[in-house]
Amino acid sequence: MIPKGLHVNRLNPAADNPREVEFTAQWETKNKHVDLLDALFSVPCYLKDPDRCGHDTSNGPIKRPLGDVTKRDRVVAATIFQWLGSDCGIDAVRQSLARCGYRIEKTDDV
């Protein structure tokens, strides 16, 4: 089971937060196929020389410098992903993209 974020009450249809609901659904869908946090916490290290790699490669080529992914890590990630769909989160995304020359536009395709 993929842990939910801290504010699941905001995913209630009566709460009228459709972006948060969709961002949460996307996070859950993506994590059904690939453990995204495990991938993000992993550092592939294909160099034979551990000094050049920066990690001990004696147990294999994949290292987790921060340790294994915990349930807390998963809840924090789910909360952040949900937040991206909130008014504050989407505004931060819009502003960041605008500084890079992009913009988000709402379509009528929904």
C-alpha atoms as a PDB file:
ATOM      1  CA  MET A   1       0.000   0.000   0.000  1.00  0.00           C
ATOM      2  CA  ILE A   2       1.231   3.474  -0.877  1.00  0.00           C
ATOM      3  CA  PRO A   3       1.002   5.800   2.143  1.00  0.00           C
ATOM      4  CA  LYS A   4      -1.168   8.895   1.809  1.00  0.00           C
ATOM      5  CA  GLY A   5      -0.019  12.373   2.712  1.00  0.00           C
ATOM      6  CA  LEU A   6      -0.820  14.091   5.974  1.00  0.00           C
ATOM      7  CA  HIS A   7      -3.847  15.996   4.667  1.00  0.00           C
ATOM      8  CA  VAL A   8      -6.112  13.275   3.227  1.00  0.00           C
ATOM      9  CA  ASN A   9      -9.122  15.285   4.408  1.00  0.00           C
ATOM     10  CA  ARG A  10      -8.378  17.679   1.521  1.00  0.00           C
ATOM     11  CA  LEU A  11      -8.949  14.829  -0.960  1.00  0.00           C
ATOM     12  CA  ASN A  12     -12.628  14.587  -0.047  1.00  0.00           C
ATOM     13  CA  PRO A  13     -14.800  15.574  -3.059  1.00  0.00           C
ATOM     14  CA  ALA A  14     -16.651  18.044  -0.832  1.00  0.00           C
ATOM     15  CA  ALA A  15     -13.358  19.843  -0.145  1.00  0.00           C
ATOM     16  CA  ASP A  16     -13.261  20.996  -3.789  1.00  0.00           C
ATOM     17  CA  ASN A  17      -9.538  20.484  -4.388  1.00  0.00           C
ATOM     18  CA  PRO A  18      -9.544  18.699  -7.759  1.00  0.00           C
ATOM     19  CA  ARG A  19      -5.871  19.410  -8.513  1.00  0.00           C
ATOM     20  CA  GLU A  20      -4.789  17.915  -5.191  1.00  0.00           C
ATOM     21  CA  VAL A  21      -6.934  14.853  -5.868  1.00  0.00           C
ATOM     22  CA  GLU A  22      -5.383  14.457  -9.332  1.00  0.00           C
ATOM     23  CA  PHE A  23      -1.790  15.018  -8.152  1.00  0.00           C
ATOM     24  CA  THR A  24      -2.335  12.417  -5.420  1.00  0.00           C
ATOM     25  CA  ALA A  25      -3.849   9.963  -7.899  1.00  0.00           C
ATOM     26  CA  GLN A  26      -0.872  10.418 -10.234  1.00  0.00           C
ATOM     27  CA  TRP A  27       1.599   9.841  -7.398  1.00  0.00           C
ATOM     28  CA  GLU A  28      -0.199   6.646  -6.408  1.00  0.00           C
ATOM     29  CA  THR A  29      -0.448   5.434 -10.020  1.00  0.00           C
ATOM     30  CA  LYS A  30       3.244   6.028 -10.719  1.00  0.00           C
ATOM     31  CA  ASN A  31       4.252   4.264  -7.502  1.00  0.00           C
ATOM     32  CA  LYS A  32       2.239   1.152  -8.408  1.00  0.00           C
ATOM     33  CA  HIS A  33       4.655   0.448 -11.250  1.00  0.00           C
ATOM     34  CA  VAL A  34       7.956   1.807  -9.930  1.00  0.00           C
ATOM     35  CA  ASP A  35       9.040   2.641  -6.388  1.00  0.00           C
ATOM     36  CA  LEU A  36       9.812   6.288  -7.143  1.00  0.00           C
ATOM     37  CA  LEU A  37      11.298   7.055  -3.734  1.00  0.00           C
ATOM     38  CA  ASP A  38      13.578   4.052  -3.863  1.00  0.00           C
ATOM     39  CA  ALA A  39      14.756   5.266  -7.263  1.00  0.00           C
ATOM     40  CA  LEU A  40      15.229   8.836  -5.984  1.00  0.00           C
ATOM     41  CA  PHE A  41      17.141   7.664  -2.904  1.00  0.00           C
ATOM     42  CA  SER A  42      19.404   5.423  -4.979  1.00  0.00           C
ATOM     43  CA  VAL A  43      22.653   6.467  -6.583  1.00  0.00           C
ATOM     44  CA  PRO A  44      23.837   4.218  -9.401  1.00  0.00           C
ATOM     45  CA  CYS A  45      27.545   3.753  -9.168  1.00  0.00           C
ATOM     46  CA  TYR A  46      29.068   1.932 -12.089  1.00  0.00           C
ATOM     47  CA  LEU A  47      32.657   3.016 -11.528  1.00  0.00           C
ATOM     48  CA  LYS A  48      35.038   0.290 -10.368  1.00  0.00           C
ATOM     49  CA  ASP A  49      37.052   2.803  -8.337  1.00  0.00           C
ATOM     50  CA  PRO A  50      35.160   3.552  -5.046  1.00  0.00           C
ATOM     51  CA  ASP A  51      37.198   6.741  -4.540  1.00  0.00           C
ATOM     52  CA  ARG A  52      35.962   8.141  -7.842  1.00  0.00           C
ATOM     53  CA  CYS A  53      32.424   6.924  -7.201  1.00  0.00           C
ATOM     54  CA  GLY A  54      32.170   8.379  -3.728  1.00  0.00           C
ATOM     55  CA  HIS A  55      30.407   5.286  -2.333  1.00  0.00           C
ATOM     56  CA  ASP A  56      31.463   1.834  -1.237  1.00  0.00           C
ATOM     57  CA  THR A  57      30.663  -0.449  -4.169  1.00  0.00           C
ATOM     58  CA  SER A  58      31.549  -3.736  -2.473  1.00  0.00           C
ATOM     59  CA  ASN A  59      27.869  -4.754  -2.156  1.00  0.00           C
ATOM     60  CA  GLY A  60      26.831  -3.802  -5.680  1.00  0.00           C
ATOM     61  CA  PRO A  61      26.413  -0.818  -7.978  1.00  0.00           C
ATOM     62  CA  ILE A  62      23.402   0.841  -6.300  1.00  0.00           C
ATOM     63  CA  LYS A  63      23.960   2.851  -3.131  1.00  0.00           C
ATOM     64  CA  ARG A  64      21.539   4.637  -0.816  1.00  0.00           C
ATOM     65  CA  PRO A  65      23.593   7.381   0.872  1.00  0.00           C
ATOM     66  CA  LEU A  66      20.601   8.374   3.034  1.00  0.00           C
ATOM     67  CA  GLY A  67      19.727   4.790   3.973  1.00  0.00           C
ATOM     68  CA  ASP A  68      16.634   2.811   3.082  1.00  0.00           C
ATOM     69  CA  VAL A  69      13.339   4.544   2.369  1.00  0.00           C
ATOM     70  CA  THR A  70      11.134   4.698   5.482  1.00  0.00           C
ATOM     71  CA  LYS A  71       7.368   4.998   5.882  1.00  0.00           C
ATOM     72  CA  ARG A  72       7.944   8.571   7.086  1.00  0.00           C
ATOM     73  CA  ASP A  73       9.827   9.346   3.867  1.00  0.00           C
ATOM     74  CA  ARG A  74       6.894   7.997   1.878  1.00  0.00           C
ATOM     75  CA  VAL A  75       4.327  10.060   3.820  1.00  0.00           C
ATOM     76  CA  VAL A  76       6.430  13.227   3.426  1.00  0.00           C
ATOM     77  CA  ALA A  77       6.780  12.633  -0.330  1.00  0.00           C
ATOM     78  CA  ALA A  78       3.032  11.973  -0.724  1.00  0.00           C
ATOM     79  CA  THR A  79       2.271  15.151   1.245  1.00  0.00           C
ATOM     80  CA  ILE A  80       4.593  17.246  -0.926  1.00  0.00           C
ATOM     81  CA  PHE A  81       3.184  15.780  -4.133  1.00  0.00           C
ATOM     82  CA  GLN A  82      -0.362  16.528  -2.958  1.00  0.00           C
ATOM     83  CA  TRP A  83       0.734  20.056  -1.982  1.00  0.00           C
ATOM     84  CA  LEU A  84       1.921  20.655  -5.563  1.00  0.00           C
ATOM     85  CA  GLY A  85      -1.742  20.453  -6.603  1.00  0.00           C
ATOM     86  CA  SER A  86      -2.878  22.978  -3.980  1.00  0.00           C
ATOM     87  CA  ASP A  87      -3.296  26.669  -4.797  1.00  0.00           C
ATOM     88  CA  CYS A  88       0.021  27.467  -3.064  1.00  0.00           C
ATOM     89  CA  GLY A  89       1.836  24.551  -4.664  1.00  0.00           C
ATOM     90  CA  ILE A  90       0.617  25.160  -8.208  1.00  0.00           C
ATOM     91  CA  ASP A  91       1.482  28.843  -7.825  1.00  0.00           C
ATOM     92  CA  ALA A  92       5.043  27.915  -6.837  1.00  0.00           C
ATOM     93  CA  VAL A  93       5.231  25.624  -9.878  1.00  0.00           C
ATOM     94  CA  ARG A  94       3.817  28.368 -12.145  1.00  0.00           C
ATOM     95  CA  GLN A  95       6.306  30.944 -10.872  1.00  0.00           C
ATOM     96  CA  SER A  96       9.245  28.550 -11.196  1.00  0.00           C
ATOM     97  CA  LEU A  97       8.279  27.612 -14.738  1.00  0.00           C
ATOM     98  CA  ALA A  98       7.694  31.269 -15.665  1.00  0.00           C
ATOM     99  CA  ARG A  99      11.270  32.075 -14.648  1.00  0.00           C
ATOM    100  CA  CYS A 100      12.351  29.384 -17.132  1.00  0.00           C
ATOM    101  CA  GLY A 101      10.132  30.714 -19.923  1.00  0.00           C
ATOM    102  CA  TYR A 102       7.234  28.264 -19.572  1.00  0.00           C
ATOM    103  CA  ARG A 103       3.623  28.639 -18.509  1.00  0.00           C
ATOM    104  CA  ILE A 104       0.775  26.404 -17.431  1.00  0.00           C
ATOM    105  CA  GLU A 105      -2.495  26.833 -19.260  1.00  0.00           C
ATOM    106  CA  LYS A 106      -5.844  25.313 -18.352  1.00  0.00           C
ATOM    107  CA  THR A 107      -7.441  23.466 -21.254  1.00  0.00           C
ATOM    108  CA  ASP A 108     -11.050  22.652 -21.960  1.00  0.00           C
ATOM    109  CA  ASP A 109     -10.146  18.981 -22.550  1.00  0.00           C
ATOM    110  CA  VAL A 110     -11.053  17.951 -19.000  1.00  0.00           C
END
